[in-house]
C-alpha atoms as a PDB file:
ATOM      1  CA  VAL A   1     108.574  98.819  70.364  1.00  0.00           C
ATOM      2  CA  GLU A   2     110.969 100.624  72.747  1.00  0.00           C
ATOM      3  CA  ASN A   3     113.323 103.238  71.368  1.00  0.00           C
ATOM      4  CA  GLY A   4     116.730 104.023  72.707  1.00  0.00           C
ATOM      5  CA  GLN A   5     115.374 106.646  75.181  1.00  0.00           C
ATOM      6  CA  GLY A   6     113.073 104.205  77.046  1.00  0.00           C
ATOM      7  CA  GLU A   7     109.882 105.364  75.316  1.00  0.00           C
ATOM      8  CA  MET A   8     107.253 102.994  73.933  1.00  0.00           C
ATOM      9  CA  ILE A   9     106.569 103.511  70.245  1.00  0.00           C
ATOM     10  CA  ILE A  10     103.586 101.754  68.666  1.00  0.00           C
ATOM     11  CA  PRO A  11     104.082 100.903  65.012  1.00  0.00           C
ATOM     12  CA  TRP A  12     101.483 102.416  62.738  1.00  0.00           C
ATOM     13  CA  GLU A  13     100.220  99.063  61.542  1.00  0.00           C
ATOM     14  CA  ASP A  14      99.413  98.061  65.181  1.00  0.00           C
ATOM     15  CA  VAL A  15      97.460 101.220  66.048  1.00  0.00           C
ATOM     16  CA  PRO A  16      94.020  99.845  65.026  1.00  0.00           C
ATOM     17  CA  PHE A  17      94.504  96.798  67.280  1.00  0.00           C
ATOM     18  CA  TYR A  18      95.459  98.889  70.328  1.00  0.00           C
ATOM     19  CA  VAL A  19      92.595 101.339  69.757  1.00  0.00           C
ATOM     20  CA  PHE A  20      90.136  98.468  69.471  1.00  0.00           C
ATOM     21  CA  SER A  21      91.438  96.876  72.700  1.00  0.00           C
ATOM     22  CA  LEU A  22      91.133 100.136  74.633  1.00  0.00           C
ATOM     23  CA  ALA A  23      87.604 100.690  73.323  1.00  0.00           C
ATOM     24  CA  VAL A  24      86.493  97.206  74.391  1.00  0.00           C
ATOM     25  CA  ALA A  25      87.994  97.669  77.861  1.00  0.00           C
ATOM     26  CA  PHE A  26      86.323 101.063  78.308  1.00  0.00           C
ATOM     27  CA  ILE A  27      82.885  99.927  77.135  1.00  0.00           C
ATOM     28  CA  GLY A  28      83.065  96.768  79.236  1.00  0.00           C
ATOM     29  CA  SER A  29      83.952  98.622  82.418  1.00  0.00           C
ATOM     30  CA  TYR A  30      81.158 101.130  81.767  1.00  0.00           C
ATOM     31  CA  PHE A  31      78.405  98.523  81.431  1.00  0.00           C
ATOM     32  CA  LEU A  32      79.672  96.425  84.320  1.00  0.00           C
ATOM     33  CA  GLY A  33      79.486  99.469  86.542  1.00  0.00           C
ATOM     34  CA  ARG A  34      75.881 100.192  85.500  1.00  0.00           C
ATOM     35  CA  THR A  35      74.472  96.687  85.927  1.00  0.00           C
ATOM     36  CA  GLY A  36      75.707  96.102  89.461  1.00  0.00           C
ATOM     37  CA  ASP A  37      73.313  97.151  92.257  1.00  0.00           C
ATOM     38  CA  LYS A  38      75.585  95.738  94.911  1.00  0.00           C
ATOM     39  CA  PRO A  39      77.303  98.246  97.174  1.00  0.00           C
ATOM     40  CA  ARG A  40      81.009  98.684  96.829  1.00  0.00           C
ATOM     41  CA  GLU A  41      83.295  96.711  99.101  1.00  0.00           C
ATOM     42  CA  GLU A  42      84.498  99.859 100.861  1.00  0.00           C
ATOM     43  CA  ASP A  43      80.874 100.729 101.678  1.00  0.00           C
ATOM     44  CA  LEU A  44      80.335  97.349 103.330  1.00  0.00           C
ATOM     45  CA  GLY A  45      83.359  97.586 105.546  1.00  0.00           C
ATOM     46  CA  PRO A  46      85.537  94.636 106.475  1.00  0.00           C
ATOM     47  CA  ILE A  47      84.130  91.210 105.670  1.00  0.00           C
ATOM     48  CA  GLU A  48      84.216  90.108 109.299  1.00  0.00           C
ATOM     49  CA  ASP A  49      81.992  93.082 110.264  1.00  0.00           C
ATOM     50  CA  ILE A  50      79.124  92.034 107.982  1.00  0.00           C
ATOM     51  CA  PRO A  51      76.440  90.297 110.116  1.00  0.00           C
ATOM     52  CA  GLU A  52      75.457  86.851 108.890  1.00  0.00           C
ATOM     53  CA  GLN A  53      71.761  86.690 108.052  1.00  0.00           C
ATOM     54  CA  PRO A  54      69.806  83.591 109.158  1.00  0.00           C
ATOM     55  CA  PRO A  55      67.897  81.622 106.507  1.00  0.00           C
ATOM     56  CA  ARG A  56      64.645  83.156 105.310  1.00  0.00           C
ATOM     57  CA  PRO A  57      62.336  80.556 106.993  1.00  0.00           C
ATOM     58  CA  VAL A  58      64.070  81.192 110.318  1.00  0.00           C
ATOM     59  CA  ARG A  59      63.656  84.951 109.940  1.00  0.00           C
ATOM     60  CA  ARG A  60      59.996  84.504 109.068  1.00  0.00           C
ATOM     61  CA  LEU A  61      59.350  82.261 112.068  1.00  0.00           C
ATOM     62  CA  SER A  62      61.142  84.701 114.356  1.00  0.00           C
ATOM     63  CA  LYS A  63      58.977  87.520 113.011  1.00  0.00           C
ATOM     64  CA  ILE A  64      55.789  85.518 113.653  1.00  0.00           C
ATOM     65  CA  LEU A  65      56.839  84.711 117.208  1.00  0.00           C
ATOM     66  CA  GLU A  66      57.751  88.337 117.853  1.00  0.00           C
ATOM     67  CA  ASP A  67      54.342  89.482 116.577  1.00  0.00           C
ATOM     68  CA  GLN A  68      52.544  86.927 118.727  1.00  0.00           C
ATOM     69  CA  LYS A  69      54.523  87.977 121.769  1.00  0.00           C
ATOM     70  CA  ALA A  70      53.907  91.674 121.080  1.00  0.00           C
ATOM     71  CA  ASN A  71      50.166  91.102 120.673  1.00  0.00           C
ATOM     72  CA  ASN A  72      50.035  88.741 123.660  1.00  0.00           C
ATOM     73  CA  ILE A  73      48.827  85.875 121.483  1.00  0.00           C
ATOM     74  CA  LYS A  74      49.220  82.441 123.050  1.00  0.00           C
ATOM     75  CA  LYS A  75      48.665  79.659 120.584  1.00  0.00           C
ATOM     76  CA  ILE A  76      47.625  76.469 122.385  1.00  0.00           C
ATOM     77  CA  LYS A  77      48.216  73.097 120.781  1.00  0.00           C
ATOM     78  CA  LYS A  78      46.690  69.924 122.155  1.00  0.00           C
ATOM     79  CA  VAL A  79      48.810  66.800 122.466  1.00  0.00           C
ATOM     80  CA  VAL A  80      47.447  63.426 123.611  1.00  0.00           C
ATOM     81  CA  ILE A  81      50.044  60.864 124.710  1.00  0.00           C
ATOM     82  CA  VAL A  82      48.778  57.297 125.034  1.00  0.00           C
ATOM     83  CA  ALA A  83      51.015  54.846 126.882  1.00  0.00           C
ATOM     84  CA  HIS A  84      50.677  51.629 128.820  1.00  0.00           C
ATOM     85  CA  SER A  85      51.008  53.407 132.165  1.00  0.00           C
ATOM     86  CA  LEU A  86      50.683  56.960 133.414  1.00  0.00           C
ATOM     87  CA  PRO A  87      53.844  58.949 134.289  1.00  0.00           C
ATOM     88  CA  VAL A  88      52.801  59.381 137.928  1.00  0.00           C
ATOM     89  CA  GLN A  89      53.338  57.803 141.328  1.00  0.00           C
ATOM     90  CA  PHE A  90      50.577  57.035 143.839  1.00  0.00           C
ATOM     91  CA  ASN A  91      50.881  57.331 147.573  1.00  0.00           C
ATOM     92  CA  ARG A  92      48.365  56.640 150.284  1.00  0.00           C
ATOM     93  CA  GLU A  93      48.344  57.434 153.979  1.00  0.00           C
ATOM     94  CA  GLY A  94      47.663  54.154 155.753  1.00  0.00           C
ATOM     95  CA  ASP A  95      45.051  51.683 154.559  1.00  0.00           C
ATOM     96  CA  SER A  96      42.157  54.107 154.287  1.00  0.00           C
ATOM     97  CA  GLY A  97      43.777  57.524 153.856  1.00  0.00           C
ATOM     98  CA  PRO A  98      43.419  59.745 150.791  1.00  0.00           C
ATOM     99  CA  TRP A  99      45.396  59.089 147.636  1.00  0.00           C
ATOM    100  CA  SER A 100      48.050  61.540 146.472  1.00  0.00           C
ATOM    101  CA  VAL A 101      49.566  61.759 142.994  1.00  0.00           C
ATOM    102  CA  LYS A 102      52.908  63.158 141.858  1.00  0.00           C
ATOM    103  CA  TRP A 103      54.957  63.007 138.686  1.00  0.00           C
ATOM    104  CA  ASP A 104      57.272  60.030 138.255  1.00  0.00           C
ATOM    105  CA  ASP A 105      60.387  61.728 136.896  1.00  0.00           C
ATOM    106  CA  SER A 106      62.380  58.493 137.017  1.00  0.00           C
ATOM    107  CA  ARG A 107      60.935  57.581 133.619  1.00  0.00           C
ATOM    108  CA  ASN A 108      63.252  59.537 131.380  1.00  0.00           C
ATOM    109  CA  TRP A 109      61.256  59.742 128.180  1.00  0.00           C
ATOM    110  CA  LEU A 110      58.024  60.546 130.010  1.00  0.00           C
ATOM    111  CA  ALA A 111      59.768  63.269 131.962  1.00  0.00           C
ATOM    112  CA  ALA A 112      61.168  64.675 128.723  1.00  0.00           C
ATOM    113  CA  MET A 113      57.700  64.792 127.165  1.00  0.00           C
ATOM    114  CA  ARG A 114      56.510  66.862 130.102  1.00  0.00           C
ATOM    115  CA  MET A 115      58.777  69.633 128.858  1.00  0.00           C
ATOM    116  CA  LEU A 116      56.093  70.395 126.280  1.00  0.00           C
ATOM    117  CA  GLN A 117      54.006  71.878 129.059  1.00  0.00           C
ATOM    118  CA  ASP A 118      56.800  74.321 129.925  1.00  0.00           C
ATOM    119  CA  ALA A 119      57.590  75.326 126.342  1.00  0.00           C
ATOM    120  CA  GLU A 120      57.293  78.956 125.264  1.00  0.00           C
ATOM    121  CA  GLU A 121      54.606  77.960 122.779  1.00  0.00           C
ATOM    122  CA  LYS A 122      51.928  76.560 125.058  1.00  0.00           C
ATOM    123  CA  TYR A 123      51.000  72.909 124.691  1.00  0.00           C
ATOM    124  CA  GLU A 124      48.061  71.301 126.433  1.00  0.00           C
ATOM    125  CA  VAL A 125      49.253  67.761 127.120  1.00  0.00           C
ATOM    126  CA  THR A 126      46.864  64.984 128.127  1.00  0.00           C
ATOM    127  CA  TRP A 127      48.137  61.598 129.259  1.00  0.00           C
ATOM    128  CA  VAL A 128      46.158  58.383 128.794  1.00  0.00           C
ATOM    129  CA  GLY A 129      47.290  55.163 130.454  1.00  0.00           C
ATOM    130  CA  CYS A 130      46.207  52.016 132.255  1.00  0.00           C
ATOM    131  CA  MET A 131      45.399  51.701 135.944  1.00  0.00           C
ATOM    132  CA  ASP A 132      45.004  48.445 137.872  1.00  0.00           C
ATOM    133  CA  ALA A 133      41.340  48.237 138.807  1.00  0.00           C
ATOM    134  CA  SER A 134      41.918  45.134 140.936  1.00  0.00           C
ATOM    135  CA  GLN A 135      43.816  47.129 143.584  1.00  0.00           C
ATOM    136  CA  ILE A 136      41.507  50.149 143.851  1.00  0.00           C
ATOM    137  CA  THR A 137      37.805  49.915 144.567  1.00  0.00           C
ATOM    138  CA  GLU A 138      35.246  51.637 142.375  1.00  0.00           C
ATOM    139  CA  ALA A 139      34.514  54.175 145.117  1.00  0.00           C
ATOM    140  CA  GLU A 140      38.200  55.030 145.419  1.00  0.00           C
ATOM    141  CA  GLN A 141      38.602  55.251 141.669  1.00  0.00           C
ATOM    142  CA  LYS A 142      36.568  58.472 141.624  1.00  0.00           C
ATOM    143  CA  ASP A 143      38.918  60.083 144.140  1.00  0.00           C
ATOM    144  CA  VAL A 144      41.957  58.922 142.187  1.00  0.00           C
ATOM    145  CA  GLU A 145      40.518  60.332 138.958  1.00  0.00           C
ATOM    146  CA  LYS A 146      40.086  63.747 140.596  1.00  0.00           C
ATOM    147  CA  GLU A 147      43.729  63.736 141.624  1.00  0.00           C
ATOM    148  CA  LEU A 148      44.787  62.638 138.148  1.00  0.00           C
ATOM    149  CA  GLU A 149      42.823  65.476 136.552  1.00  0.00           C
ATOM    150  CA  LYS A 150      45.176  67.917 138.262  1.00  0.00           C
ATOM    151  CA  HIS A 151      47.985  66.362 136.209  1.00  0.00           C
ATOM    152  CA  ASN A 152      45.932  66.120 132.975  1.00  0.00           C
ATOM    153  CA  CYS A 153      45.927  62.322 133.235  1.00  0.00           C
ATOM    154  CA  ALA A 154      43.053  60.091 132.118  1.00  0.00           C
ATOM    155  CA  PRO A 155      43.105  56.515 133.469  1.00  0.00           C
ATOM    156  CA  VAL A 156      41.857  53.405 131.695  1.00  0.00           C
ATOM    157  CA  TRP A 157      40.825  50.967 134.427  1.00  0.00           C
ATOM    158  CA  ILE A 158      41.851  47.364 133.723  1.00  0.00           C
ATOM    159  CA  LYS A 159      42.019  44.339 135.974  1.00  0.00           C
ATOM    160  CA  PHE A 160      45.585  43.275 135.388  1.00  0.00           C
ATOM    161  CA  THR A 161      45.094  39.953 137.175  1.00  0.00           C
ATOM    162  CA  ALA A 162      42.772  38.769 134.405  1.00  0.00           C
ATOM    163  CA  LEU A 163      44.127  40.460 131.285  1.00  0.00           C
ATOM    164  CA  GLY A 164      47.510  41.915 132.150  1.00  0.00           C
ATOM    165  CA  ASP A 165      49.825  39.162 131.008  1.00  0.00           C
ATOM    166  CA  THR A 166      47.712  38.201 128.007  1.00  0.00           C
ATOM    167  CA  TYR A 167      47.120  41.642 126.546  1.00  0.00           C
ATOM    168  CA  PHE A 168      50.349  43.362 127.586  1.00  0.00           C
ATOM    169  CA  ARG A 169      53.019  40.685 127.249  1.00  0.00           C
ATOM    170  CA  GLY A 170      51.151  38.618 124.710  1.00  0.00           C
ATOM    171  CA  PHE A 171      49.890  41.210 122.219  1.00  0.00           C
ATOM    172  CA  CYS A 172      51.477  44.585 123.075  1.00  0.00           C
ATOM    173  CA  LYS A 173      54.989  43.289 123.652  1.00  0.00           C
ATOM    174  CA  GLY A 174      54.776  40.180 121.491  1.00  0.00           C
ATOM    175  CA  VAL A 175      53.218  41.827 118.407  1.00  0.00           C
ATOM    176  CA  LEU A 176      52.958  45.626 118.494  1.00  0.00           C
ATOM    177  CA  TRP A 177      56.292  46.387 120.132  1.00  0.00           C
ATOM    178  CA  ARG A 178      58.184  44.235 117.637  1.00  0.00           C
ATOM    179  CA  LEU A 179      56.286  45.752 114.725  1.00  0.00           C
ATOM    180  CA  PHE A 180      56.888  49.384 115.724  1.00  0.00           C
ATOM    181  CA  HIS A 181      60.554  48.762 116.558  1.00  0.00           C
ATOM    182  CA  TYR A 182      61.376  46.861 113.348  1.00  0.00           C
ATOM    183  CA  VAL A 183      62.215  43.672 115.240  1.00  0.00           C
ATOM    184  CA  MET A 184      62.114  40.493 113.212  1.00  0.00           C
ATOM    185  CA  PRO A 185      59.488  38.015 114.451  1.00  0.00           C
ATOM    186  CA  GLN A 186      60.850  35.251 116.615  1.00  0.00           C
ATOM    187  CA  ALA A 187      59.849  31.625 116.627  1.00  0.00           C
ATOM    188  CA  ASP A 188      56.781  31.342 118.856  1.00  0.00           C
ATOM    189  CA  PRO A 189      55.052  27.959 118.689  1.00  0.00           C
ATOM    190  CA  ASP A 190      52.034  29.356 120.575  1.00  0.00           C
ATOM    191  CA  PHE A 191      51.594  32.431 118.375  1.00  0.00           C
ATOM    192  CA  GLY A 192      48.969  31.003 116.038  1.00  0.00           C
ATOM    193  CA  GLU A 193      47.230  28.995 118.735  1.00  0.00           C
ATOM    194  CA  LYS A 194      46.897  31.932 121.170  1.00  0.00           C
ATOM    195  CA  TRP A 195      46.323  34.679 118.618  1.00  0.00           C
ATOM    196  CA  GLU A 196      42.578  34.940 119.195  1.00  0.00           C
ATOM    197  CA  GLU A 197      43.011  34.948 122.979  1.00  0.00           C
ATOM    198  CA  ARG A 198      45.631  37.704 122.874  1.00  0.00           C
ATOM    199  CA  TRP A 199      43.686  39.770 120.352  1.00  0.00           C
ATOM    200  CA  ASP A 200      40.495  39.536 122.393  1.00  0.00           C
ATOM    201  CA  ALA A 201      42.372  40.597 125.527  1.00  0.00           C
ATOM    202  CA  TYR A 202      43.832  43.593 123.681  1.00  0.00           C
ATOM    203  CA  GLN A 203      40.412  44.664 122.396  1.00  0.00           C
ATOM    204  CA  LYS A 204      38.962  44.588 125.903  1.00  0.00           C
END
């Protein structure tokens, strides 16, 4: 209650309530101050100056990589990529000159996979793919294999003239490709009749 001189006068009957309210406020502020281990806002500085911490797994991985780099530890992982053909181009000088091999960077996804070899964490990549044995003699195949070893490529020699269309277009493209790419089977009247032939060609 305010008197005529602008002073606040608390009636006697309301004194217990005001005392109780002040006591609760004091005790509450005391315990809240004790339970908090967090630094005060003025100690942290402006919010925009607080550096954002990366997630814990990222920090742990960064620490592992830093330790490996400091201790000169190079972890090598082996990756084997099996495809229908090798990601290389062949060139030959004349009809009887030596064979030369270079990467075929025109194949986008194969070129992208080669980036594993240049990654900071070392990967040992080996490529496995088919080679046409009908165009290269057995004697020349040894020379070609030596050149392919320089690119970590391992050839699988197949005579495409005999099996190419049956195993590649018939089974690989007609069955496996559709299966792995979630393509619904199409009407093929020769599928059941030529199944054994295509499967045998794929096994060879």
